[in-house]
Amino acid sequence: MYNLRRFSQMLYGEVIRLNNTTREIDRLTPIQRWKNGLKSLGIERPPTLSAKQAEAFMINMLPGGRVQVRPEGIRYKGIVYDHGPTRALINRHKSVSVRRSPLNLHHLYVLYNGLWHTVRALKAGRVPRTQIEQQAMRRSRMLAGSMTPHGVEAHKFVRKLIVTSNKEGKKCLRAKASVEQAQRMGLIPADAAEPVAKPVETNQFANVLPFKVEERS
């Protein structure tokens, strides 16, 4: 596994090797052709590359993207980082360019005002160090919607109750259909209709005849 410094050394070594390789057409190295091109433009002394520019070049090669600065922090691929110098962009719907090394998820590079700044992950103790560790942790987690062993046992018990209830219900329906068929064939007497009960009179004056005046001749 390579860290950023080791990767930088390998890249610089490869650049030096390529710059000292001659091409068969003009027998010149890439650095010689570059200097000749500068001379044709009237530039005698090529500009020097500073350490900050080299570091920025290395950061630009890392994977990244653009994210918004939120009140809780800078969230990138599930990890929240400190605001750093971008705190002034909170709630302004501004996006910033970010880069992150797969070998160090605790640090995030944020481009602000033309310079790369390093911000740290919040709750770093809960954040894996490398992307490989993060992928391993995700594989070890239970899938969404999956059940624990206790949940599996409870699910089996519920399914058993459902199947049992369905069987008992089907038995009752078959028995009821058999009784109705036997009644239609006259094998067993049909149930006699129950007499309609007379409603109970609740008016205490219901049986009292109305008063009539006797007529005198």
N, C-alpha and C. Protein backbone atom coordinates (compact mmCIF):
# COMPACT_ATOMS: atom_id res chain seq x y z
N MET A 1 0.85 -1.19 0.00
CA MET A 1 0.00 0.00 0.00
C MET A 1 0.89 1.25 0.00
N TYR A 2 0.50 2.27 -0.76
CA TYR A 2 1.28 3.48 -0.90
C TYR A 2 0.56 4.65 -0.23
N ASN A 3 1.35 5.47 0.46
CA ASN A 3 0.80 6.73 0.95
C ASN A 3 1.07 7.82 -0.07
N LEU A 4 0.63 9.05 0.25
CA LEU A 4 0.75 10.14 -0.73
C LEU A 4 2.22 10.48 -1.00
N ARG A 5 3.05 10.41 0.03
CA ARG A 5 4.47 10.75 -0.17
C ARG A 5 5.16 9.72 -1.06
N ARG A 6 4.90 8.43 -0.79
CA ARG A 6 5.51 7.37 -1.61
C ARG A 6 5.02 7.46 -3.04
N PHE A 7 3.75 7.75 -3.23
CA PHE A 7 3.21 7.88 -4.58
C PHE A 7 3.86 9.06 -5.29
N SER A 8 4.11 10.16 -4.55
CA SER A 8 4.77 11.33 -5.15
C SER A 8 6.17 10.97 -5.62
N GLN A 9 6.90 10.22 -4.81
CA GLN A 9 8.26 9.82 -5.20
C GLN A 9 8.24 8.96 -6.45
N MET A 10 7.30 8.05 -6.53
CA MET A 10 7.20 7.19 -7.71
C MET A 10 6.86 8.02 -8.95
N LEU A 11 5.95 8.99 -8.78
CA LEU A 11 5.56 9.82 -9.92
C LEU A 11 6.73 10.68 -10.39
N TYR A 12 7.44 11.29 -9.45
CA TYR A 12 8.58 12.12 -9.83
C TYR A 12 9.65 11.29 -10.54
N GLY A 13 9.89 10.09 -10.04
CA GLY A 13 10.87 9.22 -10.69
C GLY A 13 10.48 8.86 -12.11
N GLU A 14 9.18 8.62 -12.32
CA GLU A 14 8.72 8.29 -13.67
C GLU A 14 8.82 9.49 -14.60
N VAL A 15 8.52 10.68 -14.07
CA VAL A 15 8.64 11.90 -14.88
C VAL A 15 10.09 12.14 -15.29
N ILE A 16 11.02 11.93 -14.34
CA ILE A 16 12.45 12.11 -14.65
C ILE A 16 12.89 11.11 -15.71
N ARG A 17 12.42 9.88 -15.60
CA ARG A 17 12.81 8.86 -16.58
C ARG A 17 12.29 9.23 -17.97
N LEU A 18 11.04 9.67 -18.06
CA LEU A 18 10.48 10.03 -19.36
C LEU A 18 11.16 11.27 -19.93
N ASN A 19 11.49 12.23 -19.07
CA ASN A 19 12.13 13.46 -19.56
C ASN A 19 13.55 13.21 -20.06
N ASN A 20 14.15 12.10 -19.71
CA ASN A 20 15.50 11.77 -20.18
C ASN A 20 15.48 10.66 -21.24
N THR A 21 14.34 10.46 -21.84
CA THR A 21 14.22 9.46 -22.91
C THR A 21 14.17 10.18 -24.25
N THR A 22 15.08 9.83 -25.16
CA THR A 22 15.13 10.49 -26.47
C THR A 22 14.18 9.81 -27.45
N ARG A 23 13.68 10.59 -28.38
CA ARG A 23 12.81 10.07 -29.43
C ARG A 23 13.63 9.90 -30.70
N GLU A 24 13.33 8.86 -31.46
CA GLU A 24 14.15 8.54 -32.62
C GLU A 24 14.04 9.59 -33.72
N ILE A 25 12.94 10.33 -33.79
CA ILE A 25 12.74 11.28 -34.89
C ILE A 25 13.73 12.44 -34.80
N ASP A 26 13.78 13.09 -33.65
CA ASP A 26 14.65 14.26 -33.52
C ASP A 26 15.78 14.05 -32.52
N ARG A 27 15.86 12.89 -31.92
CA ARG A 27 16.91 12.56 -30.95
C ARG A 27 16.93 13.57 -29.80
N LEU A 28 15.76 14.04 -29.42
CA LEU A 28 15.66 14.98 -28.31
C LEU A 28 14.79 14.38 -27.21
N THR A 29 15.08 14.80 -25.99
CA THR A 29 14.25 14.38 -24.85
C THR A 29 13.06 15.33 -24.74
N PRO A 30 12.00 14.95 -24.02
CA PRO A 30 10.85 15.87 -23.85
C PRO A 30 11.24 17.19 -23.22
N ILE A 31 12.19 17.19 -22.27
CA ILE A 31 12.58 18.44 -21.63
C ILE A 31 13.32 19.34 -22.62
N GLN A 32 14.12 18.73 -23.54
CA GLN A 32 14.81 19.53 -24.55
C GLN A 32 13.83 20.13 -25.55
N ARG A 33 12.82 19.38 -25.95
CA ARG A 33 11.82 19.92 -26.86
C ARG A 33 11.02 21.04 -26.18
N TRP A 34 10.78 20.89 -24.89
CA TRP A 34 10.06 21.93 -24.15
C TRP A 34 10.87 23.22 -24.10
N LYS A 35 12.18 23.09 -23.83
CA LYS A 35 13.04 24.28 -23.80
C LYS A 35 13.13 24.93 -25.18
N ASN A 36 13.22 24.12 -26.22
CA ASN A 36 13.24 24.69 -27.57
C ASN A 36 11.95 25.43 -27.88
N GLY A 37 10.84 24.88 -27.42
CA GLY A 37 9.57 25.56 -27.64
C GLY A 37 9.50 26.88 -26.90
N LEU A 38 10.06 26.96 -25.68
CA LEU A 38 10.09 28.22 -24.94
C LEU A 38 10.98 29.25 -25.64
N LYS A 39 12.11 28.79 -26.20
CA LYS A 39 13.01 29.70 -26.91
C LYS A 39 12.35 30.28 -28.15
N SER A 40 11.53 29.43 -28.82
CA SER A 40 10.83 29.94 -30.00
C SER A 40 9.80 30.99 -29.63
N LEU A 41 9.35 30.99 -28.37
CA LEU A 41 8.41 32.01 -27.89
C LEU A 41 9.13 33.19 -27.26
N GLY A 42 10.45 33.16 -27.25
CA GLY A 42 11.20 34.28 -26.69
C GLY A 42 11.44 34.16 -25.20
N ILE A 43 11.22 33.01 -24.65
CA ILE A 43 11.43 32.80 -23.22
C ILE A 43 12.76 32.08 -23.05
N GLU A 44 13.74 32.77 -22.46
CA GLU A 44 15.06 32.18 -22.31
C GLU A 44 15.15 31.26 -21.10
N ARG A 45 14.49 31.67 -20.01
CA ARG A 45 14.60 30.90 -18.77
C ARG A 45 13.25 30.29 -18.44
N PRO A 46 13.13 28.97 -18.40
CA PRO A 46 11.84 28.35 -18.09
C PRO A 46 11.44 28.61 -16.64
N PRO A 47 10.15 28.75 -16.40
CA PRO A 47 9.68 28.99 -15.02
C PRO A 47 9.90 27.75 -14.16
N THR A 48 10.21 27.99 -12.90
CA THR A 48 10.43 26.90 -11.95
C THR A 48 9.11 26.51 -11.30
N LEU A 49 9.00 25.26 -10.95
CA LEU A 49 7.80 24.72 -10.32
C LEU A 49 8.00 24.70 -8.81
N SER A 50 7.15 25.41 -8.09
CA SER A 50 7.29 25.48 -6.64
C SER A 50 6.74 24.22 -6.00
N ALA A 51 7.08 24.06 -4.71
CA ALA A 51 6.61 22.89 -3.96
C ALA A 51 5.09 22.90 -3.80
N LYS A 52 4.52 24.10 -3.61
CA LYS A 52 3.07 24.20 -3.46
C LYS A 52 2.36 23.81 -4.75
N GLN A 53 2.93 24.22 -5.88
CA GLN A 53 2.32 23.86 -7.16
C GLN A 53 2.42 22.35 -7.38
N ALA A 54 3.53 21.75 -6.98
CA ALA A 54 3.68 20.30 -7.13
C ALA A 54 2.68 19.56 -6.25
N GLU A 55 2.48 20.08 -5.02
CA GLU A 55 1.51 19.45 -4.12
C GLU A 55 0.09 19.59 -4.67
N ALA A 56 -0.22 20.77 -5.21
CA ALA A 56 -1.54 20.97 -5.80
C ALA A 56 -1.75 20.05 -6.99
N PHE A 57 -0.70 19.82 -7.75
CA PHE A 57 -0.79 18.91 -8.89
C PHE A 57 -1.11 17.49 -8.42
N MET A 58 -0.48 17.08 -7.32
CA MET A 58 -0.73 15.74 -6.78
C MET A 58 -2.15 15.62 -6.24
N ILE A 59 -2.63 16.67 -5.58
CA ILE A 59 -4.00 16.63 -5.03
C ILE A 59 -5.03 16.56 -6.14
N ASN A 60 -4.77 17.27 -7.23
CA ASN A 60 -5.71 17.26 -8.36
C ASN A 60 -5.85 15.87 -8.98
N MET A 61 -4.86 15.01 -8.78
CA MET A 61 -4.91 13.67 -9.35
C MET A 61 -5.75 12.72 -8.50
N LEU A 62 -6.07 13.12 -7.27
CA LEU A 62 -6.85 12.26 -6.38
C LEU A 62 -8.32 12.27 -6.80
N PRO A 63 -9.07 11.21 -6.48
CA PRO A 63 -10.52 11.21 -6.77
C PRO A 63 -11.25 12.21 -5.89
N GLY A 64 -12.28 12.81 -6.44
CA GLY A 64 -13.05 13.80 -5.69
C GLY A 64 -14.28 14.24 -6.45
N GLY A 65 -14.76 15.43 -6.13
CA GLY A 65 -15.97 15.95 -6.76
C GLY A 65 -16.29 17.33 -6.20
N ARG A 66 -17.54 17.72 -6.32
CA ARG A 66 -18.02 19.00 -5.81
C ARG A 66 -19.17 18.75 -4.85
N VAL A 67 -19.11 19.38 -3.69
CA VAL A 67 -20.13 19.20 -2.65
C VAL A 67 -20.48 20.57 -2.09
N GLN A 68 -21.66 20.63 -1.46
CA GLN A 68 -22.10 21.87 -0.82
C GLN A 68 -21.62 21.91 0.63
N VAL A 69 -21.40 23.13 1.11
CA VAL A 69 -21.00 23.33 2.50
C VAL A 69 -22.28 23.43 3.34
N ARG A 70 -22.50 22.46 4.20
CA ARG A 70 -23.72 22.39 5.00
C ARG A 70 -23.44 22.80 6.44
N PRO A 71 -24.48 23.12 7.21
CA PRO A 71 -24.24 23.53 8.60
C PRO A 71 -23.55 22.47 9.44
N GLU A 72 -23.86 21.19 9.19
CA GLU A 72 -23.24 20.14 9.99
C GLU A 72 -21.81 19.83 9.57
N GLY A 73 -21.40 20.31 8.40
CA GLY A 73 -20.04 20.07 7.93
C GLY A 73 -20.02 19.82 6.43
N ILE A 74 -18.87 19.39 5.95
CA ILE A 74 -18.71 19.05 4.54
C ILE A 74 -18.87 17.53 4.41
N ARG A 75 -19.95 17.09 3.84
CA ARG A 75 -20.24 15.66 3.71
C ARG A 75 -19.77 15.17 2.34
N TYR A 76 -18.91 14.15 2.39
CA TYR A 76 -18.41 13.56 1.13
C TYR A 76 -18.41 12.05 1.27
N LYS A 77 -19.25 11.40 0.48
CA LYS A 77 -19.37 9.94 0.44
C LYS A 77 -19.58 9.34 1.83
N GLY A 78 -20.56 9.91 2.53
CA GLY A 78 -20.98 9.35 3.81
C GLY A 78 -20.18 9.78 5.01
N ILE A 79 -19.14 10.58 4.85
CA ILE A 79 -18.31 11.02 5.97
C ILE A 79 -18.40 12.54 6.06
N VAL A 80 -18.58 13.05 7.28
CA VAL A 80 -18.72 14.49 7.51
C VAL A 80 -17.38 15.03 8.00
N TYR A 81 -16.93 16.11 7.37
CA TYR A 81 -15.65 16.74 7.70
C TYR A 81 -15.90 18.14 8.25
N ASP A 82 -14.87 18.68 8.90
CA ASP A 82 -14.94 20.02 9.46
C ASP A 82 -15.04 21.07 8.33
N HIS A 83 -15.59 22.23 8.67
CA HIS A 83 -15.75 23.27 7.65
C HIS A 83 -14.42 23.85 7.20
N GLY A 84 -13.48 23.98 8.13
CA GLY A 84 -12.21 24.62 7.79
C GLY A 84 -12.42 26.07 7.37
N PRO A 85 -11.75 26.51 6.32
CA PRO A 85 -11.90 27.91 5.89
C PRO A 85 -13.21 28.19 5.15
N THR A 86 -14.02 27.17 4.89
CA THR A 86 -15.25 27.36 4.11
C THR A 86 -16.46 27.65 5.00
N ARG A 87 -16.24 27.95 6.28
CA ARG A 87 -17.37 28.20 7.19
C ARG A 87 -18.23 29.36 6.71
N ALA A 88 -17.64 30.31 6.01
CA ALA A 88 -18.41 31.47 5.54
C ALA A 88 -19.41 31.10 4.45
N LEU A 89 -19.29 29.90 3.88
CA LEU A 89 -20.19 29.49 2.80
C LEU A 89 -21.41 28.72 3.29
N ILE A 90 -21.58 28.60 4.61
CA ILE A 90 -22.72 27.85 5.14
C ILE A 90 -24.02 28.54 4.75
N ASN A 91 -24.99 27.72 4.32
CA ASN A 91 -26.33 28.19 3.94
C ASN A 91 -26.31 29.20 2.79
N ARG A 92 -25.28 29.18 1.99
CA ARG A 92 -25.22 30.06 0.82
C ARG A 92 -25.34 29.26 -0.48
N HIS A 93 -25.61 27.96 -0.35
CA HIS A 93 -25.79 27.07 -1.51
C HIS A 93 -24.57 27.14 -2.44
N LYS A 94 -23.39 27.16 -1.84
CA LYS A 94 -22.15 27.19 -2.61
C LYS A 94 -21.51 25.80 -2.59
N SER A 95 -20.96 25.42 -3.73
CA SER A 95 -20.27 24.14 -3.84
C SER A 95 -18.77 24.37 -3.92
N VAL A 96 -18.02 23.44 -3.35
CA VAL A 96 -16.56 23.51 -3.37
C VAL A 96 -16.01 22.20 -3.93
N SER A 97 -14.83 22.28 -4.51
CA SER A 97 -14.16 21.09 -5.02
C SER A 97 -13.42 20.40 -3.88
N VAL A 98 -13.55 19.09 -3.82
CA VAL A 98 -12.89 18.31 -2.78
C VAL A 98 -12.14 17.16 -3.42
N ARG A 99 -11.08 16.73 -2.76
CA ARG A 99 -10.30 15.57 -3.16
C ARG A 99 -9.98 14.76 -1.90
N ARG A 100 -9.87 13.44 -2.07
CA ARG A 100 -9.57 12.59 -0.92
C ARG A 100 -8.75 11.39 -1.36
N SER A 101 -7.75 11.08 -0.56
CA SER A 101 -6.91 9.93 -0.84
C SER A 101 -7.58 8.66 -0.34
N PRO A 102 -7.65 7.61 -1.15
CA PRO A 102 -8.24 6.34 -0.67
C PRO A 102 -7.46 5.72 0.48
N LEU A 103 -6.23 6.20 0.71
CA LEU A 103 -5.40 5.64 1.78
C LEU A 103 -5.56 6.40 3.09
N ASN A 104 -6.29 7.50 3.09
CA ASN A 104 -6.49 8.28 4.31
C ASN A 104 -7.84 8.98 4.23
N LEU A 105 -8.87 8.35 4.79
CA LEU A 105 -10.21 8.92 4.76
C LEU A 105 -10.43 9.93 5.87
N HIS A 106 -9.46 10.10 6.77
CA HIS A 106 -9.60 11.04 7.87
C HIS A 106 -9.34 12.48 7.42
N HIS A 107 -8.71 12.66 6.27
CA HIS A 107 -8.40 13.99 5.76
C HIS A 107 -9.11 14.22 4.43
N LEU A 108 -9.55 15.44 4.24
CA LEU A 108 -10.20 15.83 2.99
C LEU A 108 -9.56 17.14 2.52
N TYR A 109 -9.24 17.20 1.23
CA TYR A 109 -8.68 18.42 0.64
C TYR A 109 -9.81 19.23 0.04
N VAL A 110 -9.89 20.51 0.44
CA VAL A 110 -10.95 21.41 -0.01
C VAL A 110 -10.30 22.59 -0.71
N LEU A 111 -10.78 22.90 -1.92
CA LEU A 111 -10.26 24.03 -2.69
C LEU A 111 -11.08 25.27 -2.35
N TYR A 112 -10.38 26.29 -1.80
CA TYR A 112 -11.06 27.52 -1.41
C TYR A 112 -10.14 28.70 -1.72
N ASN A 113 -10.65 29.65 -2.47
CA ASN A 113 -9.88 30.82 -2.90
C ASN A 113 -8.60 30.43 -3.64
N GLY A 114 -8.69 29.39 -4.45
CA GLY A 114 -7.56 28.99 -5.27
C GLY A 114 -6.51 28.17 -4.57
N LEU A 115 -6.70 27.83 -3.29
CA LEU A 115 -5.72 27.05 -2.53
C LEU A 115 -6.38 25.81 -1.95
N TRP A 116 -5.59 24.76 -1.83
CA TRP A 116 -6.07 23.52 -1.22
C TRP A 116 -5.85 23.57 0.28
N HIS A 117 -6.92 23.26 1.03
CA HIS A 117 -6.86 23.23 2.48
C HIS A 117 -7.24 21.83 2.96
N THR A 118 -6.62 21.41 4.06
CA THR A 118 -6.88 20.09 4.62
C THR A 118 -7.84 20.23 5.80
N VAL A 119 -8.94 19.49 5.78
CA VAL A 119 -9.90 19.46 6.88
C VAL A 119 -9.98 18.03 7.40
N ARG A 120 -10.30 17.91 8.68
CA ARG A 120 -10.33 16.60 9.34
C ARG A 120 -11.76 16.08 9.45
N ALA A 121 -11.86 14.78 9.53
CA ALA A 121 -13.18 14.14 9.66
C ALA A 121 -13.69 14.31 11.09
N LEU A 122 -14.98 14.65 11.22
CA LEU A 122 -15.61 14.69 12.52
C LEU A 122 -15.87 13.26 13.01
N LYS A 123 -15.68 13.05 14.31
CA LYS A 123 -15.83 11.72 14.90
C LYS A 123 -14.92 10.72 14.18
N ALA A 124 -13.64 11.08 14.12
CA ALA A 124 -12.68 10.25 13.38
C ALA A 124 -12.58 8.84 13.94
N GLY A 125 -12.92 8.66 15.23
CA GLY A 125 -12.85 7.33 15.81
C GLY A 125 -13.82 6.35 15.19
N ARG A 126 -14.87 6.87 14.56
CA ARG A 126 -15.86 6.01 13.91
C ARG A 126 -15.63 5.88 12.41
N VAL A 127 -14.60 6.54 11.90
CA VAL A 127 -14.32 6.53 10.47
C VAL A 127 -13.16 5.58 10.19
N PRO A 128 -13.30 4.63 9.25
CA PRO A 128 -12.17 3.76 8.90
C PRO A 128 -11.03 4.56 8.30
N ARG A 129 -9.84 4.01 8.43
CA ARG A 129 -8.66 4.73 7.96
C ARG A 129 -8.56 4.74 6.44
N THR A 130 -8.78 3.62 5.82
CA THR A 130 -8.62 3.51 4.37
C THR A 130 -9.94 3.12 3.72
N GLN A 131 -9.99 3.25 2.41
CA GLN A 131 -11.19 2.89 1.66
C GLN A 131 -11.42 1.39 1.67
N ILE A 132 -10.34 0.61 1.72
CA ILE A 132 -10.48 -0.85 1.79
C ILE A 132 -11.15 -1.25 3.10
N GLU A 133 -10.76 -0.62 4.21
CA GLU A 133 -11.41 -0.90 5.48
C GLU A 133 -12.88 -0.50 5.45
N GLN A 134 -13.18 0.63 4.81
CA GLN A 134 -14.57 1.07 4.71
C GLN A 134 -15.42 0.07 3.93
N GLN A 135 -14.89 -0.45 2.83
CA GLN A 135 -15.62 -1.44 2.04
C GLN A 135 -15.82 -2.73 2.83
N ALA A 136 -14.81 -3.13 3.60
CA ALA A 136 -14.94 -4.34 4.42
C ALA A 136 -16.02 -4.16 5.48
N MET A 137 -16.09 -2.99 6.09
CA MET A 137 -17.12 -2.73 7.10
C MET A 137 -18.51 -2.76 6.48
N ARG A 138 -18.65 -2.22 5.27
CA ARG A 138 -19.96 -2.23 4.62
C ARG A 138 -20.39 -3.64 4.26
N ARG A 139 -19.44 -4.48 3.86
CA ARG A 139 -19.80 -5.87 3.52
C ARG A 139 -20.23 -6.64 4.76
N SER A 140 -19.66 -6.30 5.91
CA SER A 140 -19.98 -7.03 7.14
C SER A 140 -21.33 -6.63 7.72
N ARG A 141 -21.88 -5.50 7.28
CA ARG A 141 -23.17 -5.07 7.81
C ARG A 141 -24.30 -5.88 7.20
N MET A 142 -25.41 -5.91 7.94
CA MET A 142 -26.60 -6.60 7.44
C MET A 142 -27.25 -5.75 6.35
N LEU A 143 -27.79 -6.42 5.36
CA LEU A 143 -28.46 -5.72 4.28
C LEU A 143 -29.75 -5.10 4.79
N ALA A 144 -30.17 -4.04 4.13
CA ALA A 144 -31.42 -3.38 4.50
C ALA A 144 -32.59 -4.34 4.33
N GLY A 145 -33.42 -4.45 5.37
CA GLY A 145 -34.56 -5.35 5.33
C GLY A 145 -34.27 -6.76 5.83
N SER A 146 -33.01 -7.07 6.14
CA SER A 146 -32.68 -8.39 6.65
C SER A 146 -33.01 -8.47 8.14
N MET A 147 -33.16 -9.70 8.67
CA MET A 147 -33.60 -9.91 10.04
C MET A 147 -32.50 -10.56 10.86
N THR A 148 -32.53 -10.28 12.14
CA THR A 148 -31.63 -10.94 13.08
C THR A 148 -32.13 -12.38 13.31
N PRO A 149 -31.34 -13.24 13.97
CA PRO A 149 -31.83 -14.61 14.26
C PRO A 149 -33.15 -14.63 15.02
N HIS A 150 -33.33 -13.70 15.98
CA HIS A 150 -34.61 -13.64 16.70
C HIS A 150 -35.75 -13.25 15.76
N GLY A 151 -35.45 -12.34 14.82
CA GLY A 151 -36.48 -11.97 13.86
C GLY A 151 -36.85 -13.12 12.94
N VAL A 152 -35.88 -13.95 12.57
CA VAL A 152 -36.16 -15.11 11.71
C VAL A 152 -37.06 -16.10 12.44
N GLU A 153 -36.77 -16.34 13.73
CA GLU A 153 -37.61 -17.27 14.50
C GLU A 153 -39.03 -16.73 14.65
N ALA A 154 -39.17 -15.43 14.91
CA ALA A 154 -40.50 -14.84 15.02
C ALA A 154 -41.25 -14.93 13.70
N HIS A 155 -40.53 -14.73 12.60
CA HIS A 155 -41.17 -14.82 11.28
C HIS A 155 -41.66 -16.24 11.02
N LYS A 156 -40.87 -17.24 11.38
CA LYS A 156 -41.30 -18.63 11.21
C LYS A 156 -42.54 -18.94 12.05
N PHE A 157 -42.57 -18.42 13.28
CA PHE A 157 -43.72 -18.66 14.16
C PHE A 157 -44.99 -18.05 13.58
N VAL A 158 -44.87 -16.82 13.07
CA VAL A 158 -46.04 -16.16 12.48
C VAL A 158 -46.52 -16.92 11.25
N ARG A 159 -45.59 -17.38 10.41
CA ARG A 159 -45.99 -18.14 9.23
C ARG A 159 -46.70 -19.44 9.62
N LYS A 160 -46.23 -20.06 10.70
CA LYS A 160 -46.87 -21.30 11.17
C LYS A 160 -48.30 -21.02 11.63
N LEU A 161 -48.50 -19.91 12.34
CA LEU A 161 -49.85 -19.57 12.77
C LEU A 161 -50.77 -19.30 11.59
N ILE A 162 -50.23 -18.63 10.58
CA ILE A 162 -51.05 -18.33 9.39
C ILE A 162 -51.46 -19.61 8.68
N VAL A 163 -50.51 -20.52 8.50
CA VAL A 163 -50.82 -21.79 7.82
C VAL A 163 -51.83 -22.60 8.62
N THR A 164 -51.66 -22.64 9.95
CA THR A 164 -52.59 -23.38 10.81
C THR A 164 -53.98 -22.78 10.74
N SER A 165 -54.07 -21.47 10.78
CA SER A 165 -55.37 -20.80 10.72
C SER A 165 -56.05 -21.08 9.39
N ASN A 166 -55.29 -21.08 8.30
CA ASN A 166 -55.87 -21.38 6.99
C ASN A 166 -56.41 -22.80 6.94
N LYS A 167 -55.69 -23.76 7.52
CA LYS A 167 -56.13 -25.16 7.51
C LYS A 167 -57.41 -25.32 8.33
N GLU A 168 -57.44 -24.70 9.52
CA GLU A 168 -58.64 -24.81 10.35
C GLU A 168 -59.83 -24.16 9.67
N GLY A 169 -59.61 -23.02 9.03
CA GLY A 169 -60.71 -22.36 8.34
C GLY A 169 -61.25 -23.20 7.19
N LYS A 170 -60.35 -23.85 6.44
CA LYS A 170 -60.79 -24.72 5.35
C LYS A 170 -61.58 -25.92 5.88
N LYS A 171 -61.19 -26.47 7.03
CA LYS A 171 -61.93 -27.59 7.62
C LYS A 171 -63.35 -27.17 7.98
N CYS A 172 -63.50 -26.00 8.58
CA CYS A 172 -64.83 -25.51 8.95
C CYS A 172 -65.70 -25.28 7.72
N LEU A 173 -65.13 -24.75 6.65
CA LEU A 173 -65.90 -24.52 5.43
C LEU A 173 -66.34 -25.84 4.80
N ARG A 174 -65.45 -26.85 4.79
CA ARG A 174 -65.83 -28.16 4.23
C ARG A 174 -66.92 -28.81 5.06
N ALA A 175 -66.85 -28.71 6.40
CA ALA A 175 -67.88 -29.31 7.26
C ALA A 175 -69.22 -28.62 7.06
N LYS A 176 -69.23 -27.33 6.94
CA LYS A 176 -70.48 -26.59 6.72
C LYS A 176 -71.10 -26.96 5.39
N ALA A 177 -70.28 -27.09 4.34
CA ALA A 177 -70.81 -27.48 3.04
C ALA A 177 -71.38 -28.88 3.06
N SER A 178 -70.77 -29.80 3.82
CA SER A 178 -71.29 -31.18 3.92
C SER A 178 -72.64 -31.21 4.61
N VAL A 179 -72.82 -30.41 5.67
CA VAL A 179 -74.10 -30.36 6.38
C VAL A 179 -75.19 -29.83 5.47
N GLU A 180 -74.90 -28.78 4.72
CA GLU A 180 -75.90 -28.21 3.83
C GLU A 180 -76.28 -29.21 2.73
N GLN A 181 -75.32 -29.96 2.21
CA GLN A 181 -75.60 -30.95 1.19
C GLN A 181 -76.48 -32.07 1.75
N ALA A 182 -76.21 -32.52 2.98
CA ALA A 182 -77.02 -33.58 3.60
C ALA A 182 -78.43 -33.10 3.86
N GLN A 183 -78.62 -31.85 4.25
CA GLN A 183 -79.97 -31.31 4.47
C GLN A 183 -80.75 -31.26 3.16
N ARG A 184 -80.10 -30.89 2.07
CA ARG A 184 -80.80 -30.86 0.78
C ARG A 184 -81.19 -32.25 0.32
N MET A 185 -80.41 -33.26 0.65
CA MET A 185 -80.73 -34.63 0.25
C MET A 185 -81.69 -35.31 1.22
N GLY A 186 -82.05 -34.64 2.31
CA GLY A 186 -82.98 -35.20 3.27
C GLY A 186 -82.35 -36.20 4.21
N LEU A 187 -81.07 -36.32 4.24
CA LEU A 187 -80.42 -37.27 5.14
C LEU A 187 -80.50 -36.82 6.58
N ILE A 188 -80.53 -35.57 6.82
CA ILE A 188 -80.69 -35.02 8.17
C ILE A 188 -81.73 -33.93 8.09
N PRO A 189 -82.58 -33.79 9.15
CA PRO A 189 -83.62 -32.76 9.09
C PRO A 189 -83.00 -31.37 9.11
N ALA A 190 -83.66 -30.53 8.36
CA ALA A 190 -83.20 -29.14 8.35
C ALA A 190 -83.58 -28.48 9.65
N ASP A 191 -82.88 -27.53 10.04
CA ASP A 191 -83.16 -26.81 11.27
C ASP A 191 -84.47 -26.06 11.12
N ALA A 192 -85.43 -26.28 12.11
CA ALA A 192 -86.72 -25.60 12.06
C ALA A 192 -86.52 -24.13 12.32
N ALA A 193 -87.36 -23.39 11.63
CA ALA A 193 -87.25 -21.94 11.81
C ALA A 193 -87.77 -21.56 13.17
N GLU A 194 -87.07 -20.77 13.88
CA GLU A 194 -87.49 -20.34 15.20
C GLU A 194 -88.65 -19.37 15.09
N PRO A 195 -89.70 -19.56 15.97
CA PRO A 195 -90.84 -18.63 15.92
C PRO A 195 -90.39 -17.22 16.28
N VAL A 196 -91.09 -16.33 15.60
CA VAL A 196 -90.75 -14.93 15.84
C VAL A 196 -91.32 -14.53 17.19
N ALA A 197 -90.52 -14.08 18.05
CA ALA A 197 -90.96 -13.69 19.39
C ALA A 197 -91.76 -12.40 19.32
N LYS A 198 -92.83 -12.37 20.13
CA LYS A 198 -93.66 -11.18 20.19
C LYS A 198 -92.94 -10.12 20.99
N PRO A 199 -92.90 -8.98 20.44
CA PRO A 199 -92.19 -7.93 21.18
C PRO A 199 -92.86 -7.63 22.50
N VAL A 200 -92.10 -7.43 23.49
CA VAL A 200 -92.60 -7.14 24.83
C VAL A 200 -93.14 -5.72 24.85
N GLU A 201 -94.39 -5.61 25.36
CA GLU A 201 -95.02 -4.30 25.45
C GLU A 201 -94.52 -3.60 26.71
N THR A 202 -94.04 -2.47 26.51
CA THR A 202 -93.48 -1.72 27.64
C THR A 202 -94.40 -0.60 28.12
N ASN A 203 -95.56 -0.38 27.42
CA ASN A 203 -96.50 0.67 27.83
C ASN A 203 -97.49 0.08 28.83
N GLN A 204 -97.52 0.59 30.06
CA GLN A 204 -98.39 0.04 31.09
C GLN A 204 -99.87 0.31 30.84
N PHE A 205 -100.20 1.24 29.95
CA PHE A 205 -101.60 1.55 29.65
C PHE A 205 -102.03 0.99 28.30
N ALA A 206 -101.31 0.02 27.80
CA ALA A 206 -101.62 -0.50 26.48
C ALA A 206 -102.96 -1.25 26.46
N ASN A 207 -103.29 -1.99 27.55
CA ASN A 207 -104.52 -2.79 27.59
C ASN A 207 -105.71 -2.05 28.19
N VAL A 208 -105.61 -0.80 28.49
CA VAL A 208 -106.70 -0.02 29.08
C VAL A 208 -107.56 0.56 27.96
N LEU A 209 -108.89 0.26 28.03
CA LEU A 209 -109.81 0.77 27.02
C LEU A 209 -110.08 2.24 27.26
N PRO A 210 -110.34 2.98 26.22
CA PRO A 210 -110.63 4.40 26.42
C PRO A 210 -111.99 4.62 27.11
N PHE A 211 -112.11 5.66 27.90
CA PHE A 211 -113.34 5.97 28.66
C PHE A 211 -114.39 6.51 27.70
N LYS A 212 -115.64 5.91 27.86
CA LYS A 212 -116.77 6.37 27.05
C LYS A 212 -117.88 6.88 27.96
N VAL A 213 -118.50 7.97 27.54
CA VAL A 213 -119.58 8.57 28.34
C VAL A 213 -120.89 7.91 27.94
N GLU A 214 -121.68 7.46 28.96
CA GLU A 214 -122.96 6.81 28.65
C GLU A 214 -123.99 7.87 28.24
N GLU A 215 -124.74 7.55 27.23
CA GLU A 215 -125.78 8.49 26.75
C GLU A 215 -127.10 8.19 27.46
N ARG A 216 -127.77 9.24 27.99
CA ARG A 216 -129.05 9.08 28.67
C ARG A 216 -130.19 9.37 27.71
N SER A 217 -131.23 8.57 27.79
CA SER A 217 -132.39 8.74 26.91
C SER A 217 -133.36 9.77 27.50
